[in-house]
Amino acid sequence: MFARYVETLLRPRAKSVGGGLILAMVLVVSSGCVTTPPREGSAVEWLVPAATAYPPELRSAVTRFWEQIARGEWSRCFEMETPENRDRIPESLYEAYYKGGWKISGPIEILDVQETGPEKLKVSIRMKRIDPRNGNERVVFLHDVWHKGTRVWFHNLNDPLVPLEGKGR
C-alpha cells in the first residue's frame, strides 16, 4: 500500500489542487526529508549538557546518520534503520520518499539525549530547513528514537506517513 502511495506521488500528472495539497502535506509533515551539499567539517553539533549520560557509540551513530542525511547518502542511512524498518519499506521507496524534501540550511544541533526504555534513547534535534516549494527557511525540532542492537545503535524511522506494513503486503 505504501509503495503504491509513493509511486503515485512520483508519477507525473496534470496540475491539480488536491494532488498539490497532498504533496505539500508530505513535504511539510515528513521529519526525515533533508538533504544539503556536503560542508567542511561536521554537519552535526553536539550541544547536549555535559552532565547528560549516554553511550559514546550512540554519539558516533547519530553523528554518522545525520551527516549522511545532510549529504543525501540514502543507502547508508537505510542501512542504519532498525531491521523492522528495513523489512517494512524497500530501500528504493525510502530514498524516493526522503530525497525531494526540505533542505538543511545550517548545522544539525543535538540538544538532548533521554532514555525512554531499555536500550532505547530519544535524541532531541534542532535544525534550519528550507522549504523546497517556496524557499522559506524555518527552525525545526525533531525527536529521533534510537534502539540498541546486538552491537550497534539503529535509527528508528518514526515518520507518521510511513505505515507499519511489510514489503510484500
N, C-alpha and C. Protein backbone atom coordinates (compact mmCIF):
# COMPACT_ATOMS: atom_id res chain seq x y z
N MET A 1 0.81 -1.18 0.00
CA MET A 1 0.00 0.00 0.00
C MET A 1 0.87 1.26 0.00
N PHE A 2 1.88 1.31 0.87
CA PHE A 2 2.75 2.47 0.92
C PHE A 2 3.50 2.64 -0.39
N ALA A 3 3.93 1.52 -0.99
CA ALA A 3 4.66 1.58 -2.27
C ALA A 3 3.79 2.25 -3.33
N ARG A 4 2.53 1.87 -3.41
CA ARG A 4 1.63 2.49 -4.40
C ARG A 4 1.45 3.97 -4.10
N TYR A 5 1.37 4.33 -2.83
CA TYR A 5 1.20 5.72 -2.44
C TYR A 5 2.39 6.57 -2.91
N VAL A 6 3.61 6.10 -2.64
CA VAL A 6 4.80 6.84 -3.05
C VAL A 6 4.89 6.90 -4.57
N GLU A 7 4.58 5.79 -5.25
CA GLU A 7 4.62 5.78 -6.71
C GLU A 7 3.66 6.81 -7.30
N THR A 8 2.47 6.95 -6.71
CA THR A 8 1.53 7.95 -7.22
C THR A 8 2.04 9.36 -7.00
N LEU A 9 2.77 9.58 -5.91
CA LEU A 9 3.35 10.90 -5.68
C LEU A 9 4.44 11.23 -6.68
N LEU A 10 5.16 10.21 -7.12
CA LEU A 10 6.29 10.43 -8.02
C LEU A 10 5.87 10.46 -9.48
N ARG A 11 4.70 9.94 -9.81
CA ARG A 11 4.22 9.88 -11.19
C ARG A 11 3.86 11.28 -11.68
N PRO A 12 4.33 11.66 -12.90
CA PRO A 12 3.92 12.97 -13.44
C PRO A 12 2.41 13.00 -13.63
N ARG A 13 1.79 14.13 -13.37
CA ARG A 13 0.35 14.25 -13.54
C ARG A 13 0.00 15.69 -13.85
N ALA A 14 -1.19 15.86 -14.32
CA ALA A 14 -1.69 17.21 -14.61
C ALA A 14 -1.78 17.97 -13.29
N LYS A 15 -1.64 19.27 -13.38
CA LYS A 15 -1.73 20.09 -12.17
C LYS A 15 -3.14 19.99 -11.59
N SER A 16 -3.17 19.77 -10.29
CA SER A 16 -4.46 19.75 -9.60
C SER A 16 -4.26 20.25 -8.19
N VAL A 17 -5.26 20.89 -7.66
CA VAL A 17 -5.16 21.43 -6.32
C VAL A 17 -5.02 20.31 -5.31
N GLY A 18 -5.82 19.25 -5.43
CA GLY A 18 -5.78 18.14 -4.48
C GLY A 18 -4.43 17.46 -4.47
N GLY A 19 -3.88 17.13 -5.65
CA GLY A 19 -2.58 16.46 -5.73
C GLY A 19 -1.47 17.32 -5.17
N GLY A 20 -1.52 18.61 -5.47
CA GLY A 20 -0.51 19.52 -4.95
C GLY A 20 -0.59 19.65 -3.44
N LEU A 21 -1.81 19.65 -2.94
CA LEU A 21 -2.00 19.74 -1.49
C LEU A 21 -1.45 18.51 -0.80
N ILE A 22 -1.70 17.33 -1.36
CA ILE A 22 -1.18 16.10 -0.77
C ILE A 22 0.34 16.12 -0.77
N LEU A 23 0.95 16.49 -1.89
CA LEU A 23 2.40 16.54 -1.95
C LEU A 23 2.96 17.56 -0.97
N ALA A 24 2.30 18.70 -0.84
CA ALA A 24 2.74 19.71 0.12
C ALA A 24 2.68 19.17 1.53
N MET A 25 1.61 18.43 1.86
CA MET A 25 1.49 17.86 3.19
C MET A 25 2.59 16.85 3.46
N VAL A 26 2.92 16.04 2.45
CA VAL A 26 4.00 15.06 2.61
C VAL A 26 5.31 15.79 2.90
N LEU A 27 5.57 16.86 2.18
CA LEU A 27 6.83 17.58 2.38
C LEU A 27 6.87 18.29 3.73
N VAL A 28 5.75 18.82 4.19
CA VAL A 28 5.73 19.55 5.45
C VAL A 28 5.80 18.61 6.64
N VAL A 29 5.02 17.53 6.62
CA VAL A 29 4.93 16.65 7.77
C VAL A 29 6.15 15.77 7.93
N SER A 30 6.77 15.42 6.82
CA SER A 30 7.88 14.48 6.88
C SER A 30 9.03 15.02 7.71
N SER A 31 9.45 14.27 8.68
CA SER A 31 10.53 14.71 9.55
C SER A 31 11.89 14.30 9.03
N GLY A 32 11.96 13.45 8.05
CA GLY A 32 13.24 12.97 7.58
C GLY A 32 13.65 13.54 6.25
N CYS A 33 12.91 14.42 5.70
CA CYS A 33 13.16 14.90 4.34
C CYS A 33 14.22 15.98 4.35
N VAL A 34 15.47 15.59 4.38
CA VAL A 34 16.51 16.59 4.44
C VAL A 34 17.71 16.20 3.60
N THR A 35 18.20 17.14 2.83
CA THR A 35 19.46 16.96 2.12
C THR A 35 20.11 18.32 1.97
N THR A 36 21.40 18.32 1.83
CA THR A 36 22.15 19.54 1.57
C THR A 36 23.51 19.11 1.03
N PRO A 37 24.17 19.96 0.27
CA PRO A 37 25.51 19.58 -0.18
C PRO A 37 26.46 19.44 1.00
N PRO A 38 27.51 18.64 0.86
CA PRO A 38 28.47 18.48 1.96
C PRO A 38 29.11 19.82 2.33
N ARG A 39 29.38 20.01 3.60
CA ARG A 39 30.06 21.21 4.09
C ARG A 39 31.39 20.79 4.70
N GLU A 40 32.27 21.75 4.83
CA GLU A 40 33.52 21.45 5.52
C GLU A 40 33.23 21.17 6.97
N GLY A 41 33.96 20.24 7.54
CA GLY A 41 33.74 19.88 8.94
C GLY A 41 32.46 19.08 9.09
N SER A 42 32.07 18.87 10.31
CA SER A 42 30.87 18.08 10.60
C SER A 42 29.61 18.92 10.45
N ALA A 43 28.56 18.29 9.92
CA ALA A 43 27.26 18.94 9.82
C ALA A 43 26.52 18.87 11.15
N VAL A 44 27.06 18.10 12.11
CA VAL A 44 26.37 17.85 13.37
C VAL A 44 27.13 18.51 14.52
N GLU A 45 26.39 19.27 15.33
CA GLU A 45 26.97 19.89 16.53
C GLU A 45 26.28 19.31 17.76
N TRP A 46 27.08 18.83 18.70
CA TRP A 46 26.53 18.27 19.95
C TRP A 46 26.48 19.37 21.00
N LEU A 47 25.26 19.75 21.41
CA LEU A 47 25.05 20.78 22.43
C LEU A 47 24.44 20.18 23.70
N VAL A 48 24.54 18.88 23.83
CA VAL A 48 23.98 18.16 24.98
C VAL A 48 24.75 18.57 26.23
N PRO A 49 24.03 18.88 27.33
CA PRO A 49 24.72 19.24 28.57
C PRO A 49 25.72 18.16 28.99
N ALA A 50 26.84 18.58 29.52
CA ALA A 50 27.92 17.66 29.90
C ALA A 50 27.46 16.61 30.92
N ALA A 51 26.51 16.96 31.75
CA ALA A 51 26.05 16.03 32.79
C ALA A 51 25.16 14.91 32.24
N THR A 52 24.71 15.03 31.00
CA THR A 52 23.84 14.02 30.40
C THR A 52 24.66 12.79 30.04
N ALA A 53 24.23 11.65 30.56
CA ALA A 53 24.95 10.39 30.28
C ALA A 53 24.30 9.67 29.11
N TYR A 54 25.12 9.25 28.17
CA TYR A 54 24.66 8.45 27.05
C TYR A 54 25.86 7.67 26.53
N PRO A 55 25.60 6.54 25.88
CA PRO A 55 26.71 5.72 25.39
C PRO A 55 27.50 6.45 24.30
N PRO A 56 28.83 6.40 24.35
CA PRO A 56 29.64 7.08 23.33
C PRO A 56 29.37 6.55 21.92
N GLU A 57 29.04 5.26 21.80
CA GLU A 57 28.77 4.72 20.47
C GLU A 57 27.46 5.28 19.90
N LEU A 58 26.56 5.76 20.75
CA LEU A 58 25.35 6.42 20.26
C LEU A 58 25.73 7.73 19.58
N ARG A 59 26.60 8.49 20.22
CA ARG A 59 27.04 9.76 19.62
C ARG A 59 27.62 9.52 18.23
N SER A 60 28.43 8.52 18.11
CA SER A 60 29.03 8.19 16.81
C SER A 60 27.96 7.83 15.78
N ALA A 61 26.98 7.01 16.18
CA ALA A 61 25.93 6.57 15.26
C ALA A 61 25.04 7.74 14.82
N VAL A 62 24.64 8.58 15.79
CA VAL A 62 23.77 9.72 15.47
C VAL A 62 24.51 10.70 14.55
N THR A 63 25.75 10.98 14.86
CA THR A 63 26.54 11.89 14.02
C THR A 63 26.66 11.34 12.61
N ARG A 64 27.02 10.07 12.49
CA ARG A 64 27.17 9.45 11.17
C ARG A 64 25.86 9.49 10.39
N PHE A 65 24.74 9.12 11.05
CA PHE A 65 23.44 9.10 10.38
C PHE A 65 23.08 10.49 9.84
N TRP A 66 23.19 11.53 10.67
CA TRP A 66 22.78 12.86 10.23
C TRP A 66 23.75 13.49 9.24
N GLU A 67 25.02 13.16 9.32
CA GLU A 67 25.95 13.62 8.28
C GLU A 67 25.61 12.99 6.94
N GLN A 68 25.22 11.71 6.97
CA GLN A 68 24.82 11.03 5.73
C GLN A 68 23.51 11.62 5.20
N ILE A 69 22.59 11.95 6.09
CA ILE A 69 21.34 12.61 5.67
C ILE A 69 21.69 13.93 4.98
N ALA A 70 22.58 14.71 5.60
CA ALA A 70 22.95 16.02 5.05
C ALA A 70 23.59 15.89 3.67
N ARG A 71 24.29 14.79 3.43
CA ARG A 71 24.93 14.56 2.12
C ARG A 71 24.02 13.81 1.15
N GLY A 72 22.85 13.37 1.60
CA GLY A 72 21.94 12.64 0.73
C GLY A 72 22.39 11.22 0.45
N GLU A 73 23.11 10.62 1.37
CA GLU A 73 23.59 9.25 1.20
C GLU A 73 22.53 8.29 1.75
N TRP A 74 21.44 8.14 0.99
CA TRP A 74 20.26 7.42 1.46
C TRP A 74 20.51 5.94 1.71
N SER A 75 21.31 5.29 0.88
CA SER A 75 21.53 3.85 1.10
C SER A 75 22.27 3.63 2.42
N ARG A 76 23.17 4.52 2.77
CA ARG A 76 23.87 4.40 4.05
C ARG A 76 22.94 4.68 5.22
N CYS A 77 22.03 5.63 5.06
CA CYS A 77 21.03 5.90 6.10
C CYS A 77 20.10 4.70 6.26
N PHE A 78 19.69 4.13 5.14
CA PHE A 78 18.78 2.98 5.17
C PHE A 78 19.41 1.82 5.95
N GLU A 79 20.71 1.61 5.78
CA GLU A 79 21.41 0.53 6.49
C GLU A 79 21.40 0.75 8.00
N MET A 80 21.24 1.99 8.45
CA MET A 80 21.24 2.29 9.88
C MET A 80 19.85 2.23 10.50
N GLU A 81 18.82 2.00 9.69
CA GLU A 81 17.46 1.86 10.21
C GLU A 81 17.34 0.52 10.93
N THR A 82 16.40 0.42 11.85
CA THR A 82 16.18 -0.85 12.54
C THR A 82 15.83 -1.94 11.52
N PRO A 83 16.16 -3.19 11.82
CA PRO A 83 15.78 -4.28 10.90
C PRO A 83 14.28 -4.28 10.60
N GLU A 84 13.45 -3.94 11.57
CA GLU A 84 12.00 -3.88 11.35
C GLU A 84 11.65 -2.82 10.30
N ASN A 85 12.30 -1.67 10.37
CA ASN A 85 12.06 -0.62 9.37
C ASN A 85 12.49 -1.07 7.98
N ARG A 86 13.64 -1.71 7.91
CA ARG A 86 14.14 -2.18 6.61
C ARG A 86 13.22 -3.26 6.04
N ASP A 87 12.52 -4.00 6.91
CA ASP A 87 11.59 -5.02 6.44
C ASP A 87 10.27 -4.43 5.93
N ARG A 88 9.91 -3.25 6.42
CA ARG A 88 8.60 -2.72 6.05
C ARG A 88 8.61 -1.74 4.88
N ILE A 89 9.78 -1.30 4.44
CA ILE A 89 9.83 -0.38 3.31
C ILE A 89 11.05 -0.71 2.45
N PRO A 90 10.86 -0.86 1.13
CA PRO A 90 12.01 -1.11 0.26
C PRO A 90 12.95 0.11 0.22
N GLU A 91 14.22 -0.15 0.04
CA GLU A 91 15.21 0.94 0.02
C GLU A 91 14.90 1.96 -1.07
N SER A 92 14.43 1.51 -2.23
CA SER A 92 14.15 2.44 -3.33
C SER A 92 13.03 3.43 -2.95
N LEU A 93 12.04 2.97 -2.20
CA LEU A 93 10.99 3.88 -1.76
C LEU A 93 11.45 4.79 -0.63
N TYR A 94 12.29 4.27 0.24
CA TYR A 94 12.89 5.07 1.31
C TYR A 94 13.62 6.26 0.69
N GLU A 95 14.44 5.98 -0.31
CA GLU A 95 15.19 7.04 -0.98
C GLU A 95 14.26 8.02 -1.69
N ALA A 96 13.30 7.49 -2.44
CA ALA A 96 12.38 8.36 -3.18
C ALA A 96 11.57 9.24 -2.24
N TYR A 97 11.16 8.68 -1.13
CA TYR A 97 10.34 9.40 -0.16
C TYR A 97 11.09 10.57 0.46
N TYR A 98 12.35 10.36 0.82
CA TYR A 98 13.11 11.38 1.54
C TYR A 98 13.94 12.30 0.67
N LYS A 99 14.18 11.91 -0.55
CA LYS A 99 15.10 12.65 -1.41
C LYS A 99 14.66 14.08 -1.75
N GLY A 100 13.39 14.28 -2.01
CA GLY A 100 12.95 15.58 -2.50
C GLY A 100 12.41 16.53 -1.47
N GLY A 101 12.72 16.33 -0.22
CA GLY A 101 12.11 17.13 0.83
C GLY A 101 12.87 18.39 1.19
N TRP A 102 12.64 18.84 2.38
CA TRP A 102 13.22 20.06 2.91
C TRP A 102 14.74 19.95 2.96
N LYS A 103 15.43 21.03 2.62
CA LYS A 103 16.89 21.05 2.61
C LYS A 103 17.41 21.64 3.92
N ILE A 104 18.47 21.06 4.43
CA ILE A 104 19.10 21.59 5.64
C ILE A 104 19.89 22.84 5.27
N SER A 105 19.75 23.91 6.06
CA SER A 105 20.44 25.16 5.73
C SER A 105 21.45 25.57 6.78
N GLY A 106 21.73 24.73 7.73
CA GLY A 106 22.69 25.07 8.77
C GLY A 106 23.07 23.82 9.53
N PRO A 107 23.73 23.99 10.65
CA PRO A 107 24.16 22.82 11.41
C PRO A 107 22.97 22.06 11.99
N ILE A 108 23.16 20.78 12.17
CA ILE A 108 22.19 19.91 12.83
C ILE A 108 22.64 19.88 14.29
N GLU A 109 21.80 20.42 15.17
CA GLU A 109 22.19 20.55 16.57
C GLU A 109 21.53 19.46 17.42
N ILE A 110 22.35 18.68 18.10
CA ILE A 110 21.86 17.65 19.01
C ILE A 110 21.74 18.31 20.38
N LEU A 111 20.50 18.43 20.87
CA LEU A 111 20.24 19.20 22.09
C LEU A 111 20.18 18.37 23.36
N ASP A 112 19.67 17.13 23.24
CA ASP A 112 19.47 16.33 24.45
C ASP A 112 19.35 14.87 24.08
N VAL A 113 19.66 14.00 25.04
CA VAL A 113 19.50 12.55 24.89
C VAL A 113 18.78 12.07 26.15
N GLN A 114 17.68 11.35 25.97
CA GLN A 114 16.91 10.84 27.11
C GLN A 114 16.64 9.36 26.92
N GLU A 115 16.77 8.62 28.02
CA GLU A 115 16.43 7.20 27.98
C GLU A 115 14.91 7.08 28.04
N THR A 116 14.35 6.29 27.12
CA THR A 116 12.89 6.11 27.09
C THR A 116 12.50 4.66 27.34
N GLY A 117 13.46 3.80 27.52
CA GLY A 117 13.21 2.39 27.78
C GLY A 117 14.53 1.64 27.75
N PRO A 118 14.47 0.33 28.00
CA PRO A 118 15.71 -0.44 27.94
C PRO A 118 16.29 -0.42 26.52
N GLU A 119 17.53 0.00 26.43
CA GLU A 119 18.22 0.02 25.13
C GLU A 119 17.50 0.91 24.11
N LYS A 120 16.81 1.95 24.59
CA LYS A 120 16.06 2.86 23.72
C LYS A 120 16.28 4.29 24.20
N LEU A 121 16.72 5.16 23.29
CA LEU A 121 17.00 6.54 23.63
C LEU A 121 16.33 7.49 22.65
N LYS A 122 15.90 8.65 23.17
CA LYS A 122 15.32 9.70 22.33
C LYS A 122 16.35 10.82 22.23
N VAL A 123 16.63 11.24 21.00
CA VAL A 123 17.60 12.30 20.73
C VAL A 123 16.84 13.51 20.21
N SER A 124 16.97 14.64 20.91
CA SER A 124 16.29 15.88 20.52
C SER A 124 17.21 16.67 19.59
N ILE A 125 16.65 17.12 18.48
CA ILE A 125 17.44 17.75 17.41
C ILE A 125 16.79 19.05 16.98
N ARG A 126 17.63 20.06 16.67
CA ARG A 126 17.17 21.33 16.10
C ARG A 126 17.97 21.59 14.83
N MET A 127 17.29 22.07 13.80
CA MET A 127 17.99 22.44 12.57
C MET A 127 17.15 23.45 11.80
N LYS A 128 17.79 24.13 10.87
CA LYS A 128 17.08 25.02 9.96
C LYS A 128 16.90 24.26 8.65
N ARG A 129 15.69 24.38 8.11
CA ARG A 129 15.38 23.73 6.84
C ARG A 129 14.80 24.74 5.87
N ILE A 130 14.99 24.47 4.59
CA ILE A 130 14.43 25.31 3.54
C ILE A 130 13.33 24.52 2.84
N ASP A 131 12.16 25.13 2.76
CA ASP A 131 11.02 24.52 2.09
C ASP A 131 11.30 24.51 0.58
N PRO A 132 11.28 23.32 -0.06
CA PRO A 132 11.61 23.27 -1.49
C PRO A 132 10.55 23.93 -2.37
N ARG A 133 9.36 24.16 -1.86
CA ARG A 133 8.30 24.76 -2.66
C ARG A 133 8.44 26.27 -2.79
N ASN A 134 8.92 26.93 -1.71
CA ASN A 134 8.93 28.39 -1.74
C ASN A 134 10.24 29.02 -1.27
N GLY A 135 11.20 28.20 -0.84
CA GLY A 135 12.49 28.72 -0.40
C GLY A 135 12.50 29.30 1.00
N ASN A 136 11.38 29.27 1.71
CA ASN A 136 11.33 29.81 3.07
C ASN A 136 12.11 28.91 4.03
N GLU A 137 12.80 29.55 4.95
CA GLU A 137 13.58 28.82 5.95
C GLU A 137 12.84 28.85 7.28
N ARG A 138 12.92 27.73 8.01
CA ARG A 138 12.34 27.71 9.36
C ARG A 138 13.12 26.75 10.24
N VAL A 139 13.05 27.01 11.54
CA VAL A 139 13.69 26.15 12.52
C VAL A 139 12.74 24.99 12.81
N VAL A 140 13.31 23.77 12.82
CA VAL A 140 12.52 22.56 13.04
C VAL A 140 13.13 21.80 14.21
N PHE A 141 12.28 21.28 15.08
CA PHE A 141 12.70 20.42 16.19
C PHE A 141 12.17 19.02 15.93
N LEU A 142 13.01 18.01 16.10
CA LEU A 142 12.58 16.63 15.95
C LEU A 142 13.10 15.79 17.09
N HIS A 143 12.49 14.63 17.23
CA HIS A 143 12.92 13.64 18.22
C HIS A 143 13.20 12.34 17.48
N ASP A 144 14.45 11.97 17.43
CA ASP A 144 14.86 10.70 16.85
C ASP A 144 14.82 9.64 17.94
N VAL A 145 14.40 8.45 17.59
CA VAL A 145 14.43 7.34 18.52
C VAL A 145 15.49 6.36 18.03
N TRP A 146 16.34 5.93 18.94
CA TRP A 146 17.43 5.00 18.63
C TRP A 146 17.31 3.77 19.51
N HIS A 147 17.51 2.59 18.89
CA HIS A 147 17.44 1.31 19.60
C HIS A 147 18.80 0.63 19.55
N LYS A 148 19.20 0.05 20.66
CA LYS A 148 20.47 -0.68 20.73
C LYS A 148 20.25 -2.07 20.17
N GLY A 149 21.04 -2.42 19.16
CA GLY A 149 21.03 -3.77 18.61
C GLY A 149 22.05 -4.60 19.36
N THR A 150 22.45 -5.70 18.77
CA THR A 150 23.42 -6.57 19.42
C THR A 150 24.74 -5.84 19.66
N ARG A 151 25.22 -5.13 18.64
CA ARG A 151 26.50 -4.41 18.79
C ARG A 151 26.43 -2.97 18.33
N VAL A 152 25.33 -2.57 17.71
CA VAL A 152 25.24 -1.22 17.14
C VAL A 152 23.92 -0.56 17.51
N TRP A 153 23.87 0.77 17.35
CA TRP A 153 22.65 1.54 17.54
C TRP A 153 21.95 1.70 16.20
N PHE A 154 20.62 1.52 16.19
CA PHE A 154 19.82 1.66 14.99
C PHE A 154 18.87 2.85 15.12
N HIS A 155 18.73 3.58 14.02
CA HIS A 155 17.75 4.66 13.94
C HIS A 155 16.38 4.03 13.75
N ASN A 156 15.38 4.58 14.44
CA ASN A 156 14.01 4.09 14.29
C ASN A 156 13.20 5.09 13.51
N LEU A 157 12.97 4.79 12.26
CA LEU A 157 12.17 5.66 11.39
C LEU A 157 10.80 5.84 12.03
N ASN A 158 10.48 7.06 12.43
CA ASN A 158 9.23 7.31 13.13
C ASN A 158 8.37 8.34 12.42
N ASP A 159 8.46 8.36 11.11
CA ASP A 159 7.68 9.29 10.31
C ASP A 159 6.22 8.82 10.28
N PRO A 160 5.27 9.68 10.63
CA PRO A 160 3.86 9.25 10.66
C PRO A 160 3.31 8.89 9.29
N LEU A 161 3.98 9.31 8.21
CA LEU A 161 3.48 8.99 6.88
C LEU A 161 3.96 7.63 6.36
N VAL A 162 4.83 6.98 7.11
CA VAL A 162 5.31 5.67 6.69
C VAL A 162 4.53 4.62 7.49
N PRO A 163 3.65 3.88 6.83
CA PRO A 163 2.81 2.92 7.56
C PRO A 163 3.59 1.69 8.02
N LEU A 164 3.09 1.04 9.04
CA LEU A 164 3.70 -0.17 9.56
C LEU A 164 3.19 -1.36 8.77
N GLU A 165 3.82 -1.61 7.64
CA GLU A 165 3.44 -2.77 6.83
C GLU A 165 4.69 -3.39 6.25
N GLY A 166 4.60 -4.66 5.91
CA GLY A 166 5.73 -5.36 5.33
C GLY A 166 5.90 -5.03 3.86
N LYS A 167 7.08 -5.32 3.31
CA LYS A 167 7.37 -5.05 1.91
C LYS A 167 6.41 -5.77 0.99
N GLY A 168 6.02 -6.99 1.35
CA GLY A 168 5.22 -7.79 0.45
C GLY A 168 3.72 -7.55 0.56
N ARG A 169 3.27 -6.71 1.46
CA ARG A 169 1.82 -6.51 1.64
C ARG A 169 1.25 -5.49 0.71
